[in-house]
Protein backbone atom coordinates (compact mmCIF):
# COMPACT_ATOMS: atom_id res chain seq x y z
CA MET A 1 110.31 -43.36 -17.48
CA ASP A 2 111.78 -40.90 -19.96
CA THR A 3 108.95 -39.02 -21.86
CA SER A 4 111.03 -39.11 -25.03
CA LYS A 5 110.39 -42.90 -24.98
CA LYS A 6 106.59 -42.65 -24.60
CA PHE A 7 103.92 -43.00 -27.27
CA LEU A 8 100.30 -41.92 -27.61
CA PHE A 9 97.95 -44.53 -29.26
CA VAL A 10 94.43 -44.40 -30.59
CA ASN A 11 92.35 -46.73 -32.81
CA ILE A 12 89.28 -45.65 -34.42
CA ASP A 13 88.51 -48.92 -35.71
CA ASP A 14 85.52 -50.31 -33.73
CA THR A 15 85.65 -53.77 -35.24
CA ALA A 16 86.95 -56.20 -32.56
CA GLY A 17 90.48 -56.89 -33.11
CA GLU A 18 91.06 -54.58 -35.93
CA PHE A 19 93.64 -51.94 -36.07
CA ASP A 20 93.44 -50.54 -39.51
CA GLY A 21 92.57 -47.30 -38.13
CA SER A 22 95.08 -47.08 -35.54
CA LYS A 23 97.85 -44.41 -35.12
CA MET A 24 100.69 -43.92 -32.84
CA PHE A 25 102.61 -40.64 -32.19
CA PRO A 26 105.53 -40.01 -30.08
CA VAL A 27 104.67 -37.84 -26.88
CA SER A 28 107.16 -35.33 -28.12
CA SER A 29 104.88 -34.67 -31.03
CA LEU A 30 101.92 -33.38 -28.95
CA GLN A 31 101.34 -29.78 -29.65
CA GLY A 32 98.34 -29.06 -27.53
CA ILE A 33 95.39 -30.47 -25.68
CA GLN A 34 92.06 -28.61 -25.58
CA GLU A 35 88.87 -29.27 -23.76
CA LEU A 36 86.22 -28.40 -26.29
CA ASN A 37 83.35 -28.67 -23.96
CA ALA A 38 82.33 -30.98 -21.04
CA THR A 39 82.48 -34.18 -23.09
CA SER A 40 85.09 -33.35 -25.80
CA VAL A 41 89.13 -33.31 -25.52
CA ARG A 42 91.00 -32.61 -28.59
CA PHE A 43 94.66 -33.37 -29.12
CA ALA A 44 96.98 -31.67 -31.83
CA VAL A 45 99.83 -33.63 -32.75
CA SER A 46 102.72 -33.22 -35.34
CA ASP A 47 102.29 -35.85 -37.94
CA TYR A 48 105.44 -36.05 -39.97
CA GLY A 49 104.87 -35.85 -43.68
CA GLN A 50 101.69 -33.90 -43.09
CA ALA A 51 101.68 -30.02 -43.83
CA ASP A 52 99.20 -29.51 -40.74
CA ASP A 53 98.87 -31.10 -37.31
CA THR A 54 96.67 -34.05 -36.99
CA LEU A 55 93.70 -33.91 -34.40
CA ILE A 56 92.53 -36.40 -32.34
CA ASP A 57 89.18 -36.10 -30.82
CA ILE A 58 88.13 -38.13 -27.69
CA THR A 59 84.53 -38.06 -26.15
CA VAL A 60 84.50 -38.52 -22.51
CA THR A 61 81.88 -38.83 -19.72
CA SER A 62 80.05 -35.38 -19.24
CA GLY A 63 82.00 -33.31 -16.92
CA LYS A 64 85.15 -35.47 -16.95
CA ALA A 65 87.13 -33.59 -19.70
CA LYS A 66 89.58 -31.99 -17.20
CA ALA A 67 89.89 -35.19 -15.19
CA TYR A 68 90.91 -37.00 -18.58
CA ILE A 69 93.37 -34.41 -19.26
CA LYS A 70 94.89 -34.41 -15.84
CA GLU A 71 95.04 -38.28 -15.81
CA LEU A 72 96.90 -37.99 -19.40
CA VAL A 73 99.45 -35.57 -17.93
CA GLU A 74 100.09 -38.03 -15.07
CA ALA A 75 100.26 -40.99 -17.20
CA ILE A 76 102.93 -39.09 -19.41
CA ASN A 77 104.98 -38.06 -16.54
CA TYR A 78 104.73 -41.16 -14.20
CA ALA A 79 103.41 -44.30 -15.92
CA LYS A 80 105.93 -47.12 -16.57
CA GLN A 81 104.23 -48.06 -19.82
CA SER A 82 105.70 -46.88 -22.88
CA VAL A 83 102.40 -46.65 -24.64
CA ILE A 84 99.59 -44.62 -23.42
CA ASN A 85 96.34 -45.67 -24.88
CA LEU A 86 94.30 -42.66 -25.49
CA ALA A 87 91.11 -44.78 -26.76
CA ASP A 88 91.10 -48.02 -28.51
CA ALA A 89 87.54 -48.40 -30.10
CA SER A 90 88.23 -52.05 -31.25
CA ASP A 91 88.26 -53.36 -27.61
CA GLN A 92 86.93 -50.20 -26.01
CA THR A 93 90.06 -49.68 -23.74
CA SER A 94 91.88 -46.57 -22.62
CA PHE A 95 94.12 -45.36 -19.91
CA SER A 96 91.19 -43.57 -18.46
CA PRO A 97 87.84 -45.18 -17.40
CA ASP A 98 86.20 -41.79 -18.57
CA VAL A 99 86.27 -42.49 -22.27
CA ASP A 100 82.82 -42.66 -23.88
CA PHE A 101 83.03 -45.23 -26.64
CA GLY A 102 79.44 -44.65 -27.72
CA THR A 103 81.05 -42.06 -30.00
CA ALA A 104 84.22 -43.55 -31.39
CA PRO A 105 87.39 -41.52 -31.20
CA ALA A 106 88.18 -39.54 -34.32
CA VAL A 107 91.47 -38.66 -36.10
CA THR A 108 91.66 -36.06 -38.79
CA VAL A 109 94.90 -36.20 -40.60
CA GLY A 110 96.25 -32.63 -41.46
CA GLY A 111 93.23 -31.16 -39.76
CA ALA A 112 94.71 -28.05 -38.06
């Protein structure tokens, strides 16, 4: 599938079935991915209408940050789904089994 037709989805709302805290970004808005440490991955995405990039922080199983990033790149390049679920705290789902939902994903609008 053409990567210009793919989107990254994250939902910080941890109440079952709620999507008030959800955000979706085109993959083309992804500015960078950083492994902060063995359990933290940070994404910077252009958030149109914001002066600075929006930051998305995902907690993963210890030692799995690189694997999570690799799985994401493979999902962007090869998955047939148009929406890639980075982490959905409301139903604790993700494209990767390595997301640690004990710490909800965090989104900082205009954080970079």
